Amino acid sequence: MNIVQQSEWNSFIAGHPEAHVLQSDTWGELKRTFGWDVERVIVGNTGTLVLFKRLPLGLSIGYIPKGPLGCDWKVIWGEVNNLCMRHHAVFLKVEPDLRQFDEDNVNNRLDGFIRSNHTIQPRNTIVVNLSGSEEDWLMRMKQKTRYNIRLAQKKGVRVRPSDDLDSFYAMVQVTADRDRFGVHTSRYYQLVYELFQSEGNCELLIAQYGDAPLAALILLAQGKRAYYFYGASNNLERNRMPTYLLQWEAMRWAARKGCIEYDLWGIPDEKEEVLEKYFMQRSDGLWGVYRFKRGFGGEIKRSIGAWDRIYHPGLYKLYLLYEKVRKKNLF
């Protein structure tokens, strides 16, 4: 039987140090709490976590975030197709954790899929190399970022671990209003923290001046990588550059966890030459985020994007129509 339970999946993923956190069973448990069904498939040395978003009339959408794991993907598609049929999936969306686009390699691994313009996870990210000493990290950063980290230290900003999710969420709401970002509910962040913290793979860091919280972020770790998924700041004391020191301490936490990469997560979905040409001119969407993140000396990583396997063409067309007018992502 190739459909496995949590314990077997956890053992499998432990043998894949490059496995993405979105393929962890903890992430699956988080999504299950919010109404998704979770399945785990292992065939030989290849496996994947598959999520199913329930729809009306007993239908669903299948989703594989940042998977499959392993090289021989062909061996698992039959089992995955059976699962999709069992869950009455309209289609299966796959967003592999593949960075290098090789047409032959992608077609071989994703035979029967079509490229999709509708991505769920950011296609572009910035990954900071944590090898070497902290001085090495600083030397790889932009000069202004180094300056702002030291300025925050001189101006009395301090960063501490915390479990104060209420303060974090208050800053999330300020950030959403200021920067027009979509956010999750407070319960969502609470569950992220509780589920990953129980394994020692999560930290909430808060930057403060005196007793006043200024900025905060939630870090997740999986294998050799740490991830900056959720961050927020209020409008207090911004001249003290708290977000720079916050990221610096996040990198130090990641290194103590044994991680060798720090993933700063989403930036605009553009090629690097476009990002570098326009980052000083644009501030819409994630452009301001890119201007901030690029200073930490990381490397832009561009994934191969999203791919769909269609089971019900007519209903899939309705999904595409919905995507054109949507106000909220189905995922």
C-alpha atoms as a PDB file:
ATOM      1  CA  MET A   1       0.000   0.000   0.000  1.00  0.00           C
ATOM      2  CA  ASN A   2       1.531   3.331  -1.089  1.00  0.00           C
ATOM      3  CA  ILE A   3      -0.775   5.602   0.928  1.00  0.00           C
ATOM      4  CA  VAL A   4       1.019   6.109   4.237  1.00  0.00           C
ATOM      5  CA  GLN A   5       0.261   7.525   7.675  1.00  0.00           C
ATOM      6  CA  GLN A   6       1.901  10.394   9.549  1.00  0.00           C
ATOM      7  CA  SER A   7       4.674   8.400  11.213  1.00  0.00           C
ATOM      8  CA  GLU A   8       5.890   6.848   7.959  1.00  0.00           C
ATOM      9  CA  TRP A   9       5.716  10.184   6.168  1.00  0.00           C
ATOM     10  CA  ASN A  10       7.709  11.878   8.917  1.00  0.00           C
ATOM     11  CA  SER A  11      10.411   9.213   8.607  1.00  0.00           C
ATOM     12  CA  PHE A  12      10.438   9.645   4.836  1.00  0.00           C
ATOM     13  CA  ILE A  13      10.737  13.417   4.893  1.00  0.00           C
ATOM     14  CA  ALA A  14      13.500  13.248   7.517  1.00  0.00           C
ATOM     15  CA  GLY A  15      15.588  11.520   4.856  1.00  0.00           C
ATOM     16  CA  HIS A  16      15.144  14.471   2.504  1.00  0.00           C
ATOM     17  CA  PRO A  17      17.036  17.389   4.079  1.00  0.00           C
ATOM     18  CA  GLU A  18      16.090  19.607   1.115  1.00  0.00           C
ATOM     19  CA  ALA A  19      12.365  18.946   1.588  1.00  0.00           C
ATOM     20  CA  HIS A  20      10.296  22.105   1.682  1.00  0.00           C
ATOM     21  CA  VAL A  21       8.342  22.951   4.832  1.00  0.00           C
ATOM     22  CA  LEU A  22       5.131  22.912   2.773  1.00  0.00           C
ATOM     23  CA  GLN A  23       5.659  19.164   2.307  1.00  0.00           C
ATOM     24  CA  SER A  24       5.884  18.568   6.047  1.00  0.00           C
ATOM     25  CA  ASP A  25       3.124  16.715   7.840  1.00  0.00           C
ATOM     26  CA  THR A  26       2.879  19.659  10.235  1.00  0.00           C
ATOM     27  CA  TRP A  27       1.869  21.852   7.318  1.00  0.00           C
ATOM     28  CA  GLY A  28      -0.626  19.198   6.308  1.00  0.00           C
ATOM     29  CA  GLU A  29      -2.074  19.222   9.814  1.00  0.00           C
ATOM     30  CA  LEU A  30      -2.416  23.007   9.645  1.00  0.00           C
ATOM     31  CA  LYS A  31      -4.332  22.779   6.374  1.00  0.00           C
ATOM     32  CA  ARG A  32      -6.466  19.913   7.685  1.00  0.00           C
ATOM     33  CA  THR A  33      -7.604  22.139  10.542  1.00  0.00           C
ATOM     34  CA  PHE A  34      -8.892  24.607   7.956  1.00  0.00           C
ATOM     35  CA  GLY A  35     -10.912  22.104   5.986  1.00  0.00           C
ATOM     36  CA  TRP A  36      -8.453  20.359   3.704  1.00  0.00           C
ATOM     37  CA  ASP A  37      -8.025  16.598   3.351  1.00  0.00           C
ATOM     38  CA  VAL A  38      -4.461  15.322   3.577  1.00  0.00           C
ATOM     39  CA  GLU A  39      -2.961  12.293   1.834  1.00  0.00           C
ATOM     40  CA  ARG A  40       0.614  11.016   1.738  1.00  0.00           C
ATOM     41  CA  VAL A  41       2.052   8.855  -1.056  1.00  0.00           C
ATOM     42  CA  ILE A  42       5.383   7.016  -1.085  1.00  0.00           C
ATOM     43  CA  VAL A  43       6.606   4.760  -3.888  1.00  0.00           C
ATOM     44  CA  GLY A  44      10.222   3.679  -3.517  1.00  0.00           C
ATOM     45  CA  ASN A  45      12.310   6.760  -2.785  1.00  0.00           C
ATOM     46  CA  THR A  46       9.755   9.197  -4.200  1.00  0.00           C
ATOM     47  CA  GLY A  47       6.806  10.646  -2.337  1.00  0.00           C
ATOM     48  CA  THR A  48       4.480  13.582  -1.967  1.00  0.00           C
ATOM     49  CA  LEU A  49       2.013  15.212   0.381  1.00  0.00           C
ATOM     50  CA  VAL A  50      -1.280  15.872  -1.441  1.00  0.00           C
ATOM     51  CA  LEU A  51      -3.902  18.320  -0.189  1.00  0.00           C
ATOM     52  CA  PHE A  52      -7.535  18.370  -1.263  1.00  0.00           C
ATOM     53  CA  LYS A  53      -9.641  21.510  -1.001  1.00  0.00           C
ATOM     54  CA  ARG A  54     -13.290  20.558  -0.622  1.00  0.00           C
ATOM     55  CA  LEU A  55     -15.814  22.115  -2.987  1.00  0.00           C
ATOM     56  CA  PRO A  56     -19.626  21.917  -3.160  1.00  0.00           C
ATOM     57  CA  LEU A  57     -21.325  18.814  -4.607  1.00  0.00           C
ATOM     58  CA  GLY A  58     -18.618  16.512  -3.252  1.00  0.00           C
ATOM     59  CA  LEU A  59     -15.960  17.885  -5.605  1.00  0.00           C
ATOM     60  CA  SER A  60     -12.456  19.008  -4.686  1.00  0.00           C
ATOM     61  CA  ILE A  61      -9.240  20.499  -6.024  1.00  0.00           C
ATOM     62  CA  GLY A  62      -5.996  18.594  -5.511  1.00  0.00           C
ATOM     63  CA  TYR A  63      -2.834  20.484  -4.622  1.00  0.00           C
ATOM     64  CA  ILE A  64       0.816  19.501  -4.198  1.00  0.00           C
ATOM     65  CA  PRO A  65       2.803  22.411  -2.707  1.00  0.00           C
ATOM     66  CA  LYS A  66       6.587  22.283  -3.320  1.00  0.00           C
ATOM     67  CA  GLY A  67       6.616  18.599  -4.173  1.00  0.00           C
ATOM     68  CA  PRO A  68       6.982  15.775  -5.031  1.00  0.00           C
ATOM     69  CA  LEU A  69      10.158  14.700  -3.231  1.00  0.00           C
ATOM     70  CA  GLY A  70      12.631  12.426  -4.978  1.00  0.00           C
ATOM     71  CA  CYS A  71      13.588  12.119  -8.624  1.00  0.00           C
ATOM     72  CA  ASP A  72      11.376   9.448 -10.182  1.00  0.00           C
ATOM     73  CA  TRP A  73       8.062  11.279 -10.185  1.00  0.00           C
ATOM     74  CA  LYS A  74       6.525   8.995 -12.806  1.00  0.00           C
ATOM     75  CA  VAL A  75       6.190   6.169 -10.295  1.00  0.00           C
ATOM     76  CA  ILE A  76       3.774   8.085  -8.068  1.00  0.00           C
ATOM     77  CA  TRP A  77       1.411   9.703 -10.568  1.00  0.00           C
ATOM     78  CA  GLY A  78      -0.734   6.586 -10.877  1.00  0.00           C
ATOM     79  CA  GLU A  79      -1.358   6.528  -7.126  1.00  0.00           C
ATOM     80  CA  VAL A  80      -1.918  10.289  -7.061  1.00  0.00           C
ATOM     81  CA  ASN A  81      -4.426  10.005  -9.917  1.00  0.00           C
ATOM     82  CA  ASN A  82      -6.312   7.337  -7.971  1.00  0.00           C
ATOM     83  CA  LEU A  83      -6.464   9.660  -4.981  1.00  0.00           C
ATOM     84  CA  CYS A  84      -7.734  12.495  -7.155  1.00  0.00           C
ATOM     85  CA  MET A  85     -10.469  10.253  -8.528  1.00  0.00           C
ATOM     86  CA  ARG A  86     -11.404   9.136  -5.019  1.00  0.00           C
ATOM     87  CA  HIS A  87     -11.683  12.769  -3.913  1.00  0.00           C
ATOM     88  CA  HIS A  88     -13.573  13.738  -7.103  1.00  0.00           C
ATOM     89  CA  ALA A  89     -10.924  16.324  -7.981  1.00  0.00           C
ATOM     90  CA  VAL A  90     -11.670  18.739 -10.809  1.00  0.00           C
ATOM     91  CA  PHE A  91      -7.933  19.116 -11.349  1.00  0.00           C
ATOM     92  CA  LEU A  92      -4.600  18.695  -9.580  1.00  0.00           C
ATOM     93  CA  LYS A  93      -2.302  21.707  -9.189  1.00  0.00           C
ATOM     94  CA  VAL A  94       1.400  21.055  -8.626  1.00  0.00           C
ATOM     95  CA  GLU A  95       3.975  23.701  -7.686  1.00  0.00           C
ATOM     96  CA  PRO A  96       7.291  21.818  -7.566  1.00  0.00           C
ATOM     97  CA  ASP A  97      10.303  23.024  -5.640  1.00  0.00           C
ATOM     98  CA  LEU A  98      12.318  23.023  -8.853  1.00  0.00           C
ATOM     99  CA  ARG A  99      14.421  26.073  -9.545  1.00  0.00           C
ATOM    100  CA  GLN A 100      16.215  25.303 -12.803  1.00  0.00           C
ATOM    101  CA  PHE A 101      13.905  25.236 -15.804  1.00  0.00           C
ATOM    102  CA  ASP A 102      14.904  22.415 -18.113  1.00  0.00           C
ATOM    103  CA  GLU A 103      12.220  21.762 -20.732  1.00  0.00           C
ATOM    104  CA  ASP A 104      13.046  18.088 -21.180  1.00  0.00           C
ATOM    105  CA  ASN A 105      13.361  17.465 -17.443  1.00  0.00           C
ATOM    106  CA  VAL A 106      10.063  19.215 -16.660  1.00  0.00           C
ATOM    107  CA  ASN A 107       8.177  17.468 -19.454  1.00  0.00           C
ATOM    108  CA  ASN A 108       9.547  14.143 -18.281  1.00  0.00           C
ATOM    109  CA  ARG A 109       8.523  14.715 -14.667  1.00  0.00           C
ATOM    110  CA  LEU A 110       5.195  16.407 -15.433  1.00  0.00           C
ATOM    111  CA  ASP A 111       3.923  14.388 -18.350  1.00  0.00           C
ATOM    112  CA  GLY A 112       0.177  14.977 -18.695  1.00  0.00           C
ATOM    113  CA  PHE A 113       0.261  18.392 -16.987  1.00  0.00           C
ATOM    114  CA  ILE A 114      -0.194  21.830 -18.537  1.00  0.00           C
ATOM    115  CA  ARG A 115       1.440  25.040 -17.434  1.00  0.00           C
ATOM    116  CA  SER A 116      -0.819  27.263 -15.315  1.00  0.00           C
ATOM    117  CA  ASN A 117      -0.712  31.037 -14.912  1.00  0.00           C
ATOM    118  CA  HIS A 118      -2.453  30.739 -11.536  1.00  0.00           C
ATOM    119  CA  THR A 119       0.160  30.216  -8.860  1.00  0.00           C
ATOM    120  CA  ILE A 120      -0.532  29.797  -5.155  1.00  0.00           C
ATOM    121  CA  GLN A 121       2.969  30.175  -3.720  1.00  0.00           C
ATOM    122  CA  PRO A 122       5.295  32.975  -4.862  1.00  0.00           C
ATOM    123  CA  ARG A 123       7.276  31.885  -7.879  1.00  0.00           C
ATOM    124  CA  ASN A 124      10.233  34.074  -6.914  1.00  0.00           C
ATOM    125  CA  THR A 125      12.045  34.129  -3.609  1.00  0.00           C
ATOM    126  CA  ILE A 126      15.359  35.308  -2.181  1.00  0.00           C
ATOM    127  CA  VAL A 127      17.502  32.749  -0.376  1.00  0.00           C
ATOM    128  CA  VAL A 128      20.286  33.925   1.941  1.00  0.00           C
ATOM    129  CA  ASN A 129      23.361  31.727   2.302  1.00  0.00           C
ATOM    130  CA  LEU A 130      24.138  31.144   5.995  1.00  0.00           C
ATOM    131  CA  SER A 131      27.528  29.534   5.455  1.00  0.00           C
ATOM    132  CA  GLY A 132      30.562  31.115   7.074  1.00  0.00           C
ATOM    133  CA  SER A 133      30.628  33.515  10.007  1.00  0.00           C
ATOM    134  CA  GLU A 134      28.231  36.315  10.845  1.00  0.00           C
ATOM    135  CA  GLU A 135      30.819  38.729   9.479  1.00  0.00           C
ATOM    136  CA  ASP A 136      30.660  36.802   6.206  1.00  0.00           C
ATOM    137  CA  TRP A 137      26.890  37.307   6.145  1.00  0.00           C
ATOM    138  CA  LEU A 138      27.311  41.024   6.691  1.00  0.00           C
ATOM    139  CA  MET A 139      29.866  41.309   3.908  1.00  0.00           C
ATOM    140  CA  ARG A 140      27.434  39.709   1.460  1.00  0.00           C
ATOM    141  CA  MET A 141      24.769  42.314   2.291  1.00  0.00           C
ATOM    142  CA  LYS A 142      24.244  45.680   0.675  1.00  0.00           C
ATOM    143  CA  GLN A 143      26.039  48.471   2.496  1.00  0.00           C
ATOM    144  CA  LYS A 144      22.809  50.225   3.483  1.00  0.00           C
ATOM    145  CA  THR A 145      21.395  47.051   5.026  1.00  0.00           C
ATOM    146  CA  ARG A 146      24.538  46.532   7.128  1.00  0.00           C
ATOM    147  CA  TYR A 147      24.279  50.154   8.219  1.00  0.00           C
ATOM    148  CA  ASN A 148      20.618  49.833   9.206  1.00  0.00           C
ATOM    149  CA  ILE A 149      21.227  46.678  11.257  1.00  0.00           C
ATOM    150  CA  ARG A 150      23.914  48.451  13.251  1.00  0.00           C
ATOM    151  CA  LEU A 151      21.822  51.609  13.472  1.00  0.00           C
ATOM    152  CA  ALA A 152      18.953  49.650  15.047  1.00  0.00           C
ATOM    153  CA  GLN A 153      21.351  48.214  17.619  1.00  0.00           C
ATOM    154  CA  LYS A 154      22.758  51.661  18.427  1.00  0.00           C
ATOM    155  CA  LYS A 155      19.288  53.176  18.707  1.00  0.00           C
ATOM    156  CA  GLY A 156      18.253  50.713  21.404  1.00  0.00           C
ATOM    157  CA  VAL A 157      16.153  48.230  19.450  1.00  0.00           C
ATOM    158  CA  ARG A 158      16.150  44.768  20.987  1.00  0.00           C
ATOM    159  CA  VAL A 159      14.816  41.526  19.535  1.00  0.00           C
ATOM    160  CA  ARG A 160      13.439  38.785  21.756  1.00  0.00           C
ATOM    161  CA  PRO A 161      11.574  35.493  21.303  1.00  0.00           C
ATOM    162  CA  SER A 162       7.958  35.697  22.401  1.00  0.00           C
ATOM    163  CA  ASP A 163       4.652  33.869  22.460  1.00  0.00           C
ATOM    164  CA  ASP A 164       2.632  37.084  22.333  1.00  0.00           C
ATOM    165  CA  LEU A 165       0.496  36.321  19.268  1.00  0.00           C
ATOM    166  CA  ASP A 166      -1.922  39.107  20.193  1.00  0.00           C
ATOM    167  CA  SER A 167       0.780  41.752  19.725  1.00  0.00           C
ATOM    168  CA  PHE A 168       1.871  40.063  16.517  1.00  0.00           C
ATOM    169  CA  TYR A 169      -1.647  40.077  15.101  1.00  0.00           C
ATOM    170  CA  ALA A 170      -2.196  43.706  16.055  1.00  0.00           C
ATOM    171  CA  MET A 171       0.867  44.568  13.957  1.00  0.00           C
ATOM    172  CA  VAL A 172      -0.366  42.321  11.139  1.00  0.00           C
ATOM    173  CA  GLN A 173      -3.543  44.389  10.930  1.00  0.00           C
ATOM    174  CA  VAL A 174      -1.566  47.640  10.850  1.00  0.00           C
ATOM    175  CA  THR A 175       0.634  46.248   8.081  1.00  0.00           C
ATOM    176  CA  ALA A 176      -2.393  45.076   6.096  1.00  0.00           C
ATOM    177  CA  ASP A 177      -3.995  48.523   6.278  1.00  0.00           C
ATOM    178  CA  ARG A 178      -0.770  50.334   5.440  1.00  0.00           C
ATOM    179  CA  ASP A 179       0.568  48.112   2.656  1.00  0.00           C
ATOM    180  CA  ARG A 180      -2.728  46.637   1.410  1.00  0.00           C
ATOM    181  CA  PHE A 181      -1.703  43.033   1.967  1.00  0.00           C
ATOM    182  CA  GLY A 182      -4.118  40.179   2.481  1.00  0.00           C
ATOM    183  CA  VAL A 183      -3.787  38.465   5.859  1.00  0.00           C
ATOM    184  CA  HIS A 184      -4.996  35.350   7.634  1.00  0.00           C
ATOM    185  CA  THR A 185      -7.178  35.233  10.727  1.00  0.00           C
ATOM    186  CA  SER A 186      -5.599  35.429  14.173  1.00  0.00           C
ATOM    187  CA  ARG A 187      -6.483  31.764  14.716  1.00  0.00           C
ATOM    188  CA  TYR A 188      -4.452  30.798  11.659  1.00  0.00           C
ATOM    189  CA  TYR A 189      -1.271  32.423  12.988  1.00  0.00           C
ATOM    190  CA  GLN A 190      -1.917  30.935  16.412  1.00  0.00           C
ATOM    191  CA  LEU A 191      -2.123  27.428  14.949  1.00  0.00           C
ATOM    192  CA  VAL A 192       0.984  27.914  12.815  1.00  0.00           C
ATOM    193  CA  TYR A 193       2.877  28.894  15.925  1.00  0.00           C
ATOM    194  CA  GLU A 194       1.488  26.124  18.135  1.00  0.00           C
ATOM    195  CA  LEU A 195       1.932  23.287  15.634  1.00  0.00           C
ATOM    196  CA  PHE A 196       5.491  24.110  14.587  1.00  0.00           C
ATOM    197  CA  GLN A 197       6.583  25.361  18.019  1.00  0.00           C
ATOM    198  CA  SER A 198       5.611  22.021  19.564  1.00  0.00           C
ATOM    199  CA  GLU A 199       8.341  20.462  17.386  1.00  0.00           C
ATOM    200  CA  GLY A 200      10.878  23.196  18.087  1.00  0.00           C
ATOM    201  CA  ASN A 201      10.690  24.372  14.467  1.00  0.00           C
ATOM    202  CA  CYS A 202       9.105  27.771  14.954  1.00  0.00           C
ATOM    203  CA  GLU A 203       9.936  31.048  16.627  1.00  0.00           C
ATOM    204  CA  LEU A 204       8.096  34.321  17.029  1.00  0.00           C
ATOM    205  CA  LEU A 205      10.581  37.185  17.248  1.00  0.00           C
ATOM    206  CA  ILE A 206       9.532  40.666  18.342  1.00  0.00           C
ATOM    207  CA  ALA A 207      11.639  43.800  17.899  1.00  0.00           C
ATOM    208  CA  GLN A 208      10.950  46.425  20.512  1.00  0.00           C
ATOM    209  CA  TYR A 209      12.161  49.745  21.834  1.00  0.00           C
ATOM    210  CA  GLY A 210      11.763  49.884  25.566  1.00  0.00           C
ATOM    211  CA  ASP A 211       8.504  48.056  26.210  1.00  0.00           C
ATOM    212  CA  ALA A 212       6.941  49.018  22.887  1.00  0.00           C
ATOM    213  CA  PRO A 213       6.769  46.318  20.192  1.00  0.00           C
ATOM    214  CA  LEU A 214       7.723  47.705  16.771  1.00  0.00           C
ATOM    215  CA  ALA A 215       7.918  44.712  14.434  1.00  0.00           C
ATOM    216  CA  ALA A 216       7.624  40.940  14.531  1.00  0.00           C
ATOM    217  CA  LEU A 217       7.979  37.843  12.400  1.00  0.00           C
ATOM    218  CA  ILE A 218       7.236  34.133  12.540  1.00  0.00           C
ATOM    219  CA  LEU A 219      10.025  31.780  11.434  1.00  0.00           C
ATOM    220  CA  LEU A 220       9.656  28.164  10.394  1.00  0.00           C
ATOM    221  CA  ALA A 221      12.427  25.594   9.925  1.00  0.00           C
ATOM    222  CA  GLN A 222      12.547  22.354   7.968  1.00  0.00           C
ATOM    223  CA  GLY A 223      15.752  20.435   7.295  1.00  0.00           C
ATOM    224  CA  LYS A 224      18.486  22.754   6.087  1.00  0.00           C
ATOM    225  CA  ARG A 225      16.202  25.727   5.402  1.00  0.00           C
ATOM    226  CA  ALA A 226      14.451  28.328   7.524  1.00  0.00           C
ATOM    227  CA  TYR A 227      11.576  30.386   6.146  1.00  0.00           C
ATOM    228  CA  TYR A 228      10.299  33.900   6.727  1.00  0.00           C
ATOM    229  CA  PHE A 229       6.617  33.480   5.940  1.00  0.00           C
ATOM    230  CA  TYR A 230       4.867  36.002   8.168  1.00  0.00           C
ATOM    231  CA  GLY A 231       5.995  39.441   9.234  1.00  0.00           C
ATOM    232  CA  ALA A 232       4.463  42.685  10.441  1.00  0.00           C
ATOM    233  CA  SER A 233       5.307  46.095  11.827  1.00  0.00           C
ATOM    234  CA  ASN A 234       3.446  49.062  13.241  1.00  0.00           C
ATOM    235  CA  ASN A 235       4.087  52.734  12.538  1.00  0.00           C
ATOM    236  CA  LEU A 236       6.086  53.471  15.702  1.00  0.00           C
ATOM    237  CA  GLU A 237       9.782  54.413  15.759  1.00  0.00           C
ATOM    238  CA  ARG A 238      10.370  53.373  12.176  1.00  0.00           C
ATOM    239  CA  ASN A 239      13.464  55.565  12.050  1.00  0.00           C
ATOM    240  CA  ARG A 240      15.093  53.035  14.399  1.00  0.00           C
ATOM    241  CA  MET A 241      15.052  50.427  11.592  1.00  0.00           C
ATOM    242  CA  PRO A 242      13.625  47.569  13.693  1.00  0.00           C
ATOM    243  CA  THR A 243      12.801  45.334  10.719  1.00  0.00           C
ATOM    244  CA  TYR A 244      16.472  45.128   9.718  1.00  0.00           C
ATOM    245  CA  LEU A 245      17.611  43.947  13.124  1.00  0.00           C
ATOM    246  CA  LEU A 246      14.653  41.567  13.227  1.00  0.00           C
ATOM    247  CA  GLN A 247      15.807  39.832  10.048  1.00  0.00           C
ATOM    248  CA  TRP A 248      19.369  39.703  11.354  1.00  0.00           C
ATOM    249  CA  GLU A 249      18.258  37.908  14.502  1.00  0.00           C
ATOM    250  CA  ALA A 250      16.088  35.592  12.394  1.00  0.00           C
ATOM    251  CA  MET A 251      19.182  34.588  10.424  1.00  0.00           C
ATOM    252  CA  ARG A 252      21.055  33.917  13.656  1.00  0.00           C
ATOM    253  CA  TRP A 253      18.170  31.765  14.952  1.00  0.00           C
ATOM    254  CA  ALA A 254      18.161  29.794  11.695  1.00  0.00           C
ATOM    255  CA  ALA A 255      21.882  29.151  11.945  1.00  0.00           C
ATOM    256  CA  ARG A 256      21.537  27.914  15.526  1.00  0.00           C
ATOM    257  CA  LYS A 257      18.902  25.461  14.237  1.00  0.00           C
ATOM    258  CA  GLY A 258      21.504  24.055  11.850  1.00  0.00           C
ATOM    259  CA  CYS A 259      20.002  25.670   8.756  1.00  0.00           C
ATOM    260  CA  ILE A 260      22.330  26.727   5.968  1.00  0.00           C
ATOM    261  CA  GLU A 261      19.728  28.713   4.005  1.00  0.00           C
ATOM    262  CA  TYR A 262      17.289  31.428   5.003  1.00  0.00           C
ATOM    263  CA  ASP A 263      14.368  31.816   2.611  1.00  0.00           C
ATOM    264  CA  LEU A 264      12.970  35.355   2.602  1.00  0.00           C
ATOM    265  CA  TRP A 265       9.978  34.130   0.576  1.00  0.00           C
ATOM    266  CA  GLY A 266       7.936  36.143  -1.901  1.00  0.00           C
ATOM    267  CA  ILE A 267       9.096  38.882  -4.248  1.00  0.00           C
ATOM    268  CA  PRO A 268       7.555  40.091  -7.554  1.00  0.00           C
ATOM    269  CA  ASP A 269       7.121  37.503 -10.287  1.00  0.00           C
ATOM    270  CA  GLU A 270       9.641  39.038 -12.656  1.00  0.00           C
ATOM    271  CA  LYS A 271      12.999  38.007 -14.043  1.00  0.00           C
ATOM    272  CA  GLU A 272      16.022  39.258 -12.141  1.00  0.00           C
ATOM    273  CA  GLU A 273      17.010  41.798 -14.786  1.00  0.00           C
ATOM    274  CA  VAL A 274      13.535  43.369 -14.589  1.00  0.00           C
ATOM    275  CA  LEU A 275      13.625  43.426 -10.785  1.00  0.00           C
ATOM    276  CA  GLU A 276      16.995  45.163 -10.754  1.00  0.00           C
ATOM    277  CA  LYS A 277      15.982  47.660 -13.394  1.00  0.00           C
ATOM    278  CA  TYR A 278      12.803  48.897 -11.721  1.00  0.00           C
ATOM    279  CA  PHE A 279      13.098  48.273  -7.955  1.00  0.00           C
ATOM    280  CA  MET A 280      13.873  51.924  -7.207  1.00  0.00           C
ATOM    281  CA  GLN A 281      10.981  53.171  -9.330  1.00  0.00           C
ATOM    282  CA  ARG A 282       8.140  50.892  -8.239  1.00  0.00           C
ATOM    283  CA  SER A 283       6.493  50.370  -4.862  1.00  0.00           C
ATOM    284  CA  ASP A 284       3.263  48.610  -5.850  1.00  0.00           C
ATOM    285  CA  GLY A 285       2.559  44.996  -4.883  1.00  0.00           C
ATOM    286  CA  LEU A 286       5.706  43.251  -3.667  1.00  0.00           C
ATOM    287  CA  TRP A 287       8.138  45.759  -5.161  1.00  0.00           C
ATOM    288  CA  GLY A 288       8.724  47.531  -1.866  1.00  0.00           C
ATOM    289  CA  VAL A 289       9.242  44.148  -0.242  1.00  0.00           C
ATOM    290  CA  TYR A 290      11.852  43.296  -2.871  1.00  0.00           C
ATOM    291  CA  ARG A 291      13.711  46.546  -2.267  1.00  0.00           C
ATOM    292  CA  PHE A 292      13.975  45.599   1.412  1.00  0.00           C
ATOM    293  CA  LYS A 293      14.821  41.917   0.973  1.00  0.00           C
ATOM    294  CA  ARG A 294      17.476  42.325  -1.730  1.00  0.00           C
ATOM    295  CA  GLY A 295      19.671  44.140   0.760  1.00  0.00           C
ATOM    296  CA  PHE A 296      20.369  40.972   2.763  1.00  0.00           C
ATOM    297  CA  GLY A 297      22.654  39.554   0.117  1.00  0.00           C
ATOM    298  CA  GLY A 298      20.612  36.568  -0.951  1.00  0.00           C
ATOM    299  CA  GLU A 299      20.190  34.946  -4.330  1.00  0.00           C
ATOM    300  CA  ILE A 300      16.992  35.179  -6.352  1.00  0.00           C
ATOM    301  CA  LYS A 301      15.518  31.720  -6.900  1.00  0.00           C
ATOM    302  CA  ARG A 302      12.850  31.342  -9.574  1.00  0.00           C
ATOM    303  CA  SER A 303      10.754  28.184  -9.553  1.00  0.00           C
ATOM    304  CA  ILE A 304       9.163  26.533 -12.575  1.00  0.00           C
ATOM    305  CA  GLY A 305       5.747  27.738 -11.424  1.00  0.00           C
ATOM    306  CA  ALA A 306       2.400  25.942 -11.358  1.00  0.00           C
ATOM    307  CA  TRP A 307       1.233  22.996 -13.470  1.00  0.00           C
ATOM    308  CA  ASP A 308      -2.256  21.493 -13.677  1.00  0.00           C
ATOM    309  CA  ARG A 309      -3.565  18.036 -14.530  1.00  0.00           C
ATOM    310  CA  ILE A 310      -7.202  18.264 -15.596  1.00  0.00           C
ATOM    311  CA  TYR A 311      -9.795  15.605 -14.770  1.00  0.00           C
ATOM    312  CA  HIS A 312     -13.001  17.508 -15.620  1.00  0.00           C
ATOM    313  CA  PRO A 313     -12.378  19.959 -18.509  1.00  0.00           C
ATOM    314  CA  GLY A 314     -15.739  21.727 -18.286  1.00  0.00           C
ATOM    315  CA  LEU A 315     -15.436  22.411 -14.566  1.00  0.00           C
ATOM    316  CA  TYR A 316     -11.801  23.406 -15.056  1.00  0.00           C
ATOM    317  CA  LYS A 317     -12.946  26.106 -17.494  1.00  0.00           C
ATOM    318  CA  LEU A 318     -15.294  27.417 -14.819  1.00  0.00           C
ATOM    319  CA  TYR A 319     -12.327  27.577 -12.445  1.00  0.00           C
ATOM    320  CA  LEU A 320     -10.352  29.621 -14.989  1.00  0.00           C
ATOM    321  CA  LEU A 321     -13.312  31.968 -15.359  1.00  0.00           C
ATOM    322  CA  TYR A 322     -13.530  32.318 -11.597  1.00  0.00           C
ATOM    323  CA  GLU A 323      -9.826  33.168 -11.443  1.00  0.00           C
ATOM    324  CA  LYS A 324     -10.421  36.130 -13.726  1.00  0.00           C
ATOM    325  CA  VAL A 325     -12.960  37.715 -11.417  1.00  0.00           C
ATOM    326  CA  ARG A 326     -11.964  36.295  -8.044  1.00  0.00           C
ATOM    327  CA  LYS A 327     -11.699  38.306  -4.883  1.00  0.00           C
ATOM    328  CA  LYS A 328     -10.387  35.427  -2.834  1.00  0.00           C
ATOM    329  CA  ASN A 329      -8.170  32.564  -3.915  1.00  0.00           C
ATOM    330  CA  LEU A 330      -9.785  29.135  -3.791  1.00  0.00           C
ATOM    331  CA  PHE A 331      -6.645  27.848  -2.091  1.00  0.00           C
END
